[in-house]
Amino acid sequence: MAVPKRRTSSSKRDMRRAPNMKKTPPALSICPQCHEPKLPHRVCPNCNYYNGREIVASEEKSKAAK
């Protein structure tokens, strides 16, 4: 079985692992209703709209209905 002749330095080890640790920030899109940034294909956390429809009833409207 092959055995390394020399110890791998921490610098070489970390350089080898570096490409796997790259993270990309999440892509953001603009909400067509309120023009705030949001994650694509998700309900807007600011106005609760998705695809031109209100998905989650907002607290203000639910209080007004009572």
PDB file of N, CA and C in Angstrom:
ATOM      1  N   MET A   1       0.837  -1.180   0.000  1.00  0.00           N
ATOM      2  CA  MET A   1       0.000   0.000   0.000  1.00  0.00           C
ATOM      3  C   MET A   1       0.882   1.244   0.000  1.00  0.00           C
ATOM      4  N   ALA A   2       0.503   2.254  -0.753  1.00  0.00           N
ATOM      5  CA  ALA A   2       1.305   3.471  -0.854  1.00  0.00           C
ATOM      6  C   ALA A   2       1.182   4.303   0.412  1.00  0.00           C
ATOM      7  N   VAL A   3       2.333   4.814   0.875  1.00  0.00           N
ATOM      8  CA  VAL A   3       2.378   5.639   2.074  1.00  0.00           C
ATOM      9  C   VAL A   3       3.082   6.939   1.713  1.00  0.00           C
ATOM     10  N   PRO A   4       2.570   8.105   2.114  1.00  0.00           N
ATOM     11  CA  PRO A   4       3.235   9.361   1.782  1.00  0.00           C
ATOM     12  C   PRO A   4       4.612   9.443   2.417  1.00  0.00           C
ATOM     13  N   LYS A   5       5.578   9.973   1.652  1.00  0.00           N
ATOM     14  CA  LYS A   5       6.939  10.100   2.164  1.00  0.00           C
ATOM     15  C   LYS A   5       7.061  11.284   3.104  1.00  0.00           C
ATOM     16  N   ARG A   6       6.333  12.351   2.816  1.00  0.00           N
ATOM     17  CA  ARG A   6       6.388  13.561   3.628  1.00  0.00           C
ATOM     18  C   ARG A   6       4.976  13.940   4.061  1.00  0.00           C
ATOM     19  N   ARG A   7       4.904  14.642   5.170  1.00  0.00           N
ATOM     20  CA  ARG A   7       3.618  15.125   5.675  1.00  0.00           C
ATOM     21  C   ARG A   7       3.130  16.260   4.779  1.00  0.00           C
ATOM     22  N   THR A   8       1.837  16.284   4.470  1.00  0.00           N
ATOM     23  CA  THR A   8       1.252  17.365   3.686  1.00  0.00           C
ATOM     24  C   THR A   8       1.081  18.571   4.591  1.00  0.00           C
ATOM     25  N   SER A   9       1.613  19.705   4.167  1.00  0.00           N
ATOM     26  CA  SER A   9       1.509  20.912   4.996  1.00  0.00           C
ATOM     27  C   SER A   9       0.057  21.390   5.050  1.00  0.00           C
ATOM     28  N   SER A  10      -0.239  22.158   6.086  1.00  0.00           N
ATOM     29  CA  SER A  10      -1.601  22.668   6.225  1.00  0.00           C
ATOM     30  C   SER A  10      -1.951  23.597   5.074  1.00  0.00           C
ATOM     31  N   SER A  11      -0.958  24.303   4.535  1.00  0.00           N
ATOM     32  CA  SER A  11      -1.194  25.192   3.402  1.00  0.00           C
ATOM     33  C   SER A  11      -1.626  24.401   2.165  1.00  0.00           C
ATOM     34  N   LYS A  12      -0.912  23.327   1.862  1.00  0.00           N
ATOM     35  CA  LYS A  12      -1.266  22.494   0.701  1.00  0.00           C
ATOM     36  C   LYS A  12      -2.616  21.818   0.909  1.00  0.00           C
ATOM     37  N   ARG A  13      -2.863  21.358   2.117  1.00  0.00           N
ATOM     38  CA  ARG A  13      -4.139  20.711   2.418  1.00  0.00           C
ATOM     39  C   ARG A  13      -5.294  21.686   2.227  1.00  0.00           C
ATOM     40  N   ASP A  14      -5.128  22.929   2.738  1.00  0.00           N
ATOM     41  CA  ASP A  14      -6.184  23.918   2.633  1.00  0.00           C
ATOM     42  C   ASP A  14      -6.390  24.384   1.199  1.00  0.00           C
ATOM     43  N   MET A  15      -5.310  24.475   0.421  1.00  0.00           N
ATOM     44  CA  MET A  15      -5.451  24.851  -0.998  1.00  0.00           C
ATOM     45  C   MET A  15      -6.233  23.790  -1.759  1.00  0.00           C
ATOM     46  N   ARG A  16      -6.041  22.529  -1.403  1.00  0.00           N
ATOM     47  CA  ARG A  16      -6.765  21.444  -2.062  1.00  0.00           C
ATOM     48  C   ARG A  16      -8.249  21.506  -1.706  1.00  0.00           C
ATOM     49  N   ARG A  17      -8.571  21.877  -0.491  1.00  0.00           N
ATOM     50  CA  ARG A  17      -9.963  21.916  -0.048  1.00  0.00           C
ATOM     51  C   ARG A  17     -10.683  23.206  -0.430  1.00  0.00           C
ATOM     52  N   ALA A  18      -9.949  24.231  -0.820  1.00  0.00           N
ATOM     53  CA  ALA A  18     -10.530  25.558  -1.050  1.00  0.00           C
ATOM     54  C   ALA A  18     -11.661  25.581  -2.094  1.00  0.00           C
ATOM     55  N   PRO A  19     -11.545  24.924  -3.260  1.00  0.00           N
ATOM     56  CA  PRO A  19     -12.634  25.020  -4.242  1.00  0.00           C
ATOM     57  C   PRO A  19     -13.956  24.470  -3.737  1.00  0.00           C
ATOM     58  N   ASN A  20     -13.923  23.534  -2.819  1.00  0.00           N
ATOM     59  CA  ASN A  20     -15.158  22.952  -2.303  1.00  0.00           C
ATOM     60  C   ASN A  20     -15.853  23.874  -1.313  1.00  0.00           C
ATOM     61  N   MET A  21     -15.145  24.864  -0.813  1.00  0.00           N
ATOM     62  CA  MET A  21     -15.707  25.734   0.216  1.00  0.00           C
ATOM     63  C   MET A  21     -16.268  27.031  -0.360  1.00  0.00           C
ATOM     64  N   LYS A  22     -16.184  27.195  -1.665  1.00  0.00           N
ATOM     65  CA  LYS A  22     -16.706  28.417  -2.270  1.00  0.00           C
ATOM     66  C   LYS A  22     -18.227  28.409  -2.170  1.00  0.00           C
ATOM     67  N   LYS A  23     -18.772  29.492  -1.704  1.00  0.00           N
ATOM     68  CA  LYS A  23     -20.224  29.624  -1.605  1.00  0.00           C
ATOM     69  C   LYS A  23     -20.663  30.796  -2.464  1.00  0.00           C
ATOM     70  N   THR A  24     -21.774  30.639  -3.125  1.00  0.00           N
ATOM     71  CA  THR A  24     -22.309  31.727  -3.922  1.00  0.00           C
ATOM     72  C   THR A  24     -23.496  32.329  -3.174  1.00  0.00           C
ATOM     73  N   PRO A  25     -23.631  33.636  -3.184  1.00  0.00           N
ATOM     74  CA  PRO A  25     -24.776  34.246  -2.507  1.00  0.00           C
ATOM     75  C   PRO A  25     -26.059  33.897  -3.258  1.00  0.00           C
ATOM     76  N   PRO A  26     -27.189  33.841  -2.566  1.00  0.00           N
ATOM     77  CA  PRO A  26     -28.437  33.497  -3.239  1.00  0.00           C
ATOM     78  C   PRO A  26     -28.830  34.580  -4.242  1.00  0.00           C
ATOM     79  N   ALA A  27     -29.352  34.139  -5.368  1.00  0.00           N
ATOM     80  CA  ALA A  27     -29.806  35.077  -6.389  1.00  0.00           C
ATOM     81  C   ALA A  27     -31.075  35.758  -5.895  1.00  0.00           C
ATOM     82  N   LEU A  28     -31.184  37.033  -6.129  1.00  0.00           N
ATOM     83  CA  LEU A  28     -32.362  37.781  -5.704  1.00  0.00           C
ATOM     84  C   LEU A  28     -33.084  38.321  -6.922  1.00  0.00           C
ATOM     85  N   SER A  29     -34.394  38.346  -6.848  1.00  0.00           N
ATOM     86  CA  SER A  29     -35.199  38.975  -7.884  1.00  0.00           C
ATOM     87  C   SER A  29     -36.014  40.088  -7.226  1.00  0.00           C
ATOM     88  N   ILE A  30     -36.595  40.924  -8.041  1.00  0.00           N
ATOM     89  CA  ILE A  30     -37.370  42.058  -7.543  1.00  0.00           C
ATOM     90  C   ILE A  30     -38.852  41.694  -7.580  1.00  0.00           C
ATOM     91  N   CYS A  31     -39.534  41.951  -6.489  1.00  0.00           N
ATOM     92  CA  CYS A  31     -40.974  41.696  -6.409  1.00  0.00           C
ATOM     93  C   CYS A  31     -41.698  42.695  -7.315  1.00  0.00           C
ATOM     94  N   PRO A  32     -42.585  42.230  -8.208  1.00  0.00           N
ATOM     95  CA  PRO A  32     -43.289  43.161  -9.089  1.00  0.00           C
ATOM     96  C   PRO A  32     -44.325  44.027  -8.350  1.00  0.00           C
ATOM     97  N   GLN A  33     -44.763  43.603  -7.169  1.00  0.00           N
ATOM     98  CA  GLN A  33     -45.769  44.362  -6.419  1.00  0.00           C
ATOM     99  C   GLN A  33     -45.141  45.501  -5.617  1.00  0.00           C
ATOM    100  N   CYS A  34     -44.158  45.150  -4.760  1.00  0.00           N
ATOM    101  CA  CYS A  34     -43.606  46.148  -3.836  1.00  0.00           C
ATOM    102  C   CYS A  34     -42.175  46.559  -4.186  1.00  0.00           C
ATOM    103  N   HIS A  35     -41.582  45.937  -5.210  1.00  0.00           N
ATOM    104  CA  HIS A  35     -40.234  46.262  -5.703  1.00  0.00           C
ATOM    105  C   HIS A  35     -39.149  46.063  -4.655  1.00  0.00           C
ATOM    106  N   GLU A  36     -39.364  45.120  -3.748  1.00  0.00           N
ATOM    107  CA  GLU A  36     -38.350  44.749  -2.762  1.00  0.00           C
ATOM    108  C   GLU A  36     -37.630  43.491  -3.255  1.00  0.00           C
ATOM    109  N   PRO A  37     -36.352  43.288  -2.894  1.00  0.00           N
ATOM    110  CA  PRO A  37     -35.676  42.054  -3.306  1.00  0.00           C
ATOM    111  C   PRO A  37     -36.254  40.842  -2.569  1.00  0.00           C
ATOM    112  N   LYS A  38     -36.373  39.726  -3.279  1.00  0.00           N
ATOM    113  CA  LYS A  38     -36.887  38.492  -2.694  1.00  0.00           C
ATOM    114  C   LYS A  38     -36.223  37.315  -3.392  1.00  0.00           C
ATOM    115  N   LEU A  39     -36.320  36.146  -2.804  1.00  0.00           N
ATOM    116  CA  LEU A  39     -35.791  34.950  -3.430  1.00  0.00           C
ATOM    117  C   LEU A  39     -36.721  34.546  -4.572  1.00  0.00           C
ATOM    118  N   PRO A  40     -36.157  34.102  -5.699  1.00  0.00           N
ATOM    119  CA  PRO A  40     -37.018  33.735  -6.825  1.00  0.00           C
ATOM    120  C   PRO A  40     -37.883  32.511  -6.513  1.00  0.00           C
ATOM    121  N   HIS A  41     -39.061  32.463  -7.084  1.00  0.00           N
ATOM    122  CA  HIS A  41     -40.030  31.362  -6.949  1.00  0.00           C
ATOM    123  C   HIS A  41     -40.500  31.188  -5.511  1.00  0.00           C
ATOM    124  N   ARG A  42     -40.571  32.282  -4.766  1.00  0.00           N
ATOM    125  CA  ARG A  42     -41.058  32.242  -3.398  1.00  0.00           C
ATOM    126  C   ARG A  42     -41.976  33.426  -3.141  1.00  0.00           C
ATOM    127  N   VAL A  43     -42.834  33.294  -2.140  1.00  0.00           N
ATOM    128  CA  VAL A  43     -43.729  34.385  -1.763  1.00  0.00           C
ATOM    129  C   VAL A  43     -42.885  35.531  -1.224  1.00  0.00           C
ATOM    130  N   CYS A  44     -43.233  36.737  -1.606  1.00  0.00           N
ATOM    131  CA  CYS A  44     -42.506  37.916  -1.131  1.00  0.00           C
ATOM    132  C   CYS A  44     -42.753  38.071   0.371  1.00  0.00           C
ATOM    133  N   PRO A  45     -41.698  38.148   1.187  1.00  0.00           N
ATOM    134  CA  PRO A  45     -41.917  38.293   2.631  1.00  0.00           C
ATOM    135  C   PRO A  45     -42.449  39.663   3.022  1.00  0.00           C
ATOM    136  N   ASN A  46     -42.333  40.638   2.115  1.00  0.00           N
ATOM    137  CA  ASN A  46     -42.770  41.993   2.439  1.00  0.00           C
ATOM    138  C   ASN A  46     -44.268  42.192   2.170  1.00  0.00           C
ATOM    139  N   CYS A  47     -44.751  41.763   0.994  1.00  0.00           N
ATOM    140  CA  CYS A  47     -46.149  42.028   0.631  1.00  0.00           C
ATOM    141  C   CYS A  47     -47.002  40.759   0.522  1.00  0.00           C
ATOM    142  N   ASN A  48     -46.404  39.576   0.693  1.00  0.00           N
ATOM    143  CA  ASN A  48     -47.110  38.289   0.665  1.00  0.00           C
ATOM    144  C   ASN A  48     -47.759  37.984  -0.677  1.00  0.00           C
ATOM    145  N   TYR A  49     -47.198  38.486  -1.774  1.00  0.00           N
ATOM    146  CA  TYR A  49     -47.723  38.205  -3.106  1.00  0.00           C
ATOM    147  C   TYR A  49     -46.808  37.224  -3.820  1.00  0.00           C
ATOM    148  N   TYR A  50     -47.418  36.392  -4.679  1.00  0.00           N
ATOM    149  CA  TYR A  50     -46.666  35.502  -5.568  1.00  0.00           C
ATOM    150  C   TYR A  50     -47.454  35.366  -6.855  1.00  0.00           C
ATOM    151  N   ASN A  51     -46.819  35.615  -7.960  1.00  0.00           N
ATOM    152  CA  ASN A  51     -47.434  35.477  -9.278  1.00  0.00           C
ATOM    153  C   ASN A  51     -48.682  36.358  -9.407  1.00  0.00           C
ATOM    154  N   GLY A  52     -48.628  37.554  -8.825  1.00  0.00           N
ATOM    155  CA  GLY A  52     -49.719  38.503  -8.954  1.00  0.00           C
ATOM    156  C   GLY A  52     -50.897  38.270  -8.029  1.00  0.00           C
ATOM    157  N   ARG A  53     -50.801  37.274  -7.137  1.00  0.00           N
ATOM    158  CA  ARG A  53     -51.907  36.990  -6.212  1.00  0.00           C
ATOM    159  C   ARG A  53     -51.402  37.049  -4.781  1.00  0.00           C
ATOM    160  N   GLU A  54     -52.269  37.476  -3.873  1.00  0.00           N
ATOM    161  CA  GLU A  54     -51.895  37.463  -2.463  1.00  0.00           C
ATOM    162  C   GLU A  54     -52.051  36.043  -1.942  1.00  0.00           C
ATOM    163  N   ILE A  55     -50.969  35.480  -1.441  1.00  0.00           N
ATOM    164  CA  ILE A  55     -50.979  34.083  -1.008  1.00  0.00           C
ATOM    165  C   ILE A  55     -51.270  33.980   0.479  1.00  0.00           C
ATOM    166  N   VAL A  56     -50.584  34.761   1.283  1.00  0.00           N
ATOM    167  CA  VAL A  56     -50.762  34.739   2.734  1.00  0.00           C
ATOM    168  C   VAL A  56     -51.517  35.993   3.125  1.00  0.00           C
ATOM    169  N   ALA A  57     -52.612  35.829   3.831  1.00  0.00           N
ATOM    170  CA  ALA A  57     -53.390  36.989   4.245  1.00  0.00           C
ATOM    171  C   ALA A  57     -52.571  37.804   5.243  1.00  0.00           C
ATOM    172  N   SER A  58     -52.446  39.086   5.003  1.00  0.00           N
ATOM    173  CA  SER A  58     -51.664  39.941   5.895  1.00  0.00           C
ATOM    174  C   SER A  58     -52.442  40.210   7.166  1.00  0.00           C
ATOM    175  N   GLU A  59     -51.736  40.547   8.255  1.00  0.00           N
ATOM    176  CA  GLU A  59     -52.367  40.775   9.554  1.00  0.00           C
ATOM    177  C   GLU A  59     -53.282  42.002   9.524  1.00  0.00           C
ATOM    178  N   GLU A  60     -52.885  43.026   8.763  1.00  0.00           N
ATOM    179  CA  GLU A  60     -53.679  44.259   8.703  1.00  0.00           C
ATOM    180  C   GLU A  60     -55.057  43.984   8.106  1.00  0.00           C
ATOM    181  N   LYS A  61     -55.095  43.189   7.044  1.00  0.00           N
ATOM    182  CA  LYS A  61     -56.380  42.912   6.398  1.00  0.00           C
ATOM    183  C   LYS A  61     -57.231  41.983   7.259  1.00  0.00           C
ATOM    184  N   SER A  62     -56.592  41.057   7.974  1.00  0.00           N
ATOM    185  CA  SER A  62     -57.372  40.140   8.813  1.00  0.00           C
ATOM    186  C   SER A  62     -57.975  40.880  10.016  1.00  0.00           C
ATOM    187  N   LYS A  63     -57.256  41.910  10.549  1.00  0.00           N
ATOM    188  CA  LYS A  63     -57.786  42.714  11.648  1.00  0.00           C
ATOM    189  C   LYS A  63     -58.951  43.583  11.168  1.00  0.00           C
ATOM    190  N   ALA A  64     -58.840  44.101   9.952  1.00  0.00           N
ATOM    191  CA  ALA A  64     -59.887  44.972   9.400  1.00  0.00           C
ATOM    192  C   ALA A  64     -61.167  44.169   9.131  1.00  0.00           C
ATOM    193  N   ALA A  65     -61.021  42.881   8.816  1.00  0.00           N
ATOM    194  CA  ALA A  65     -62.183  42.051   8.511  1.00  0.00           C
ATOM    195  C   ALA A  65     -62.965  41.702   9.785  1.00  0.00           C
ATOM    196  N   LYS A  66     -62.310  41.736  10.926  1.00  0.00           N
ATOM    197  CA  LYS A  66     -62.993  41.346  12.173  1.00  0.00           C
ATOM    198  C   LYS A  66     -63.865  42.412  12.718  1.00  0.00           C
TER     199      LYS A  66
END
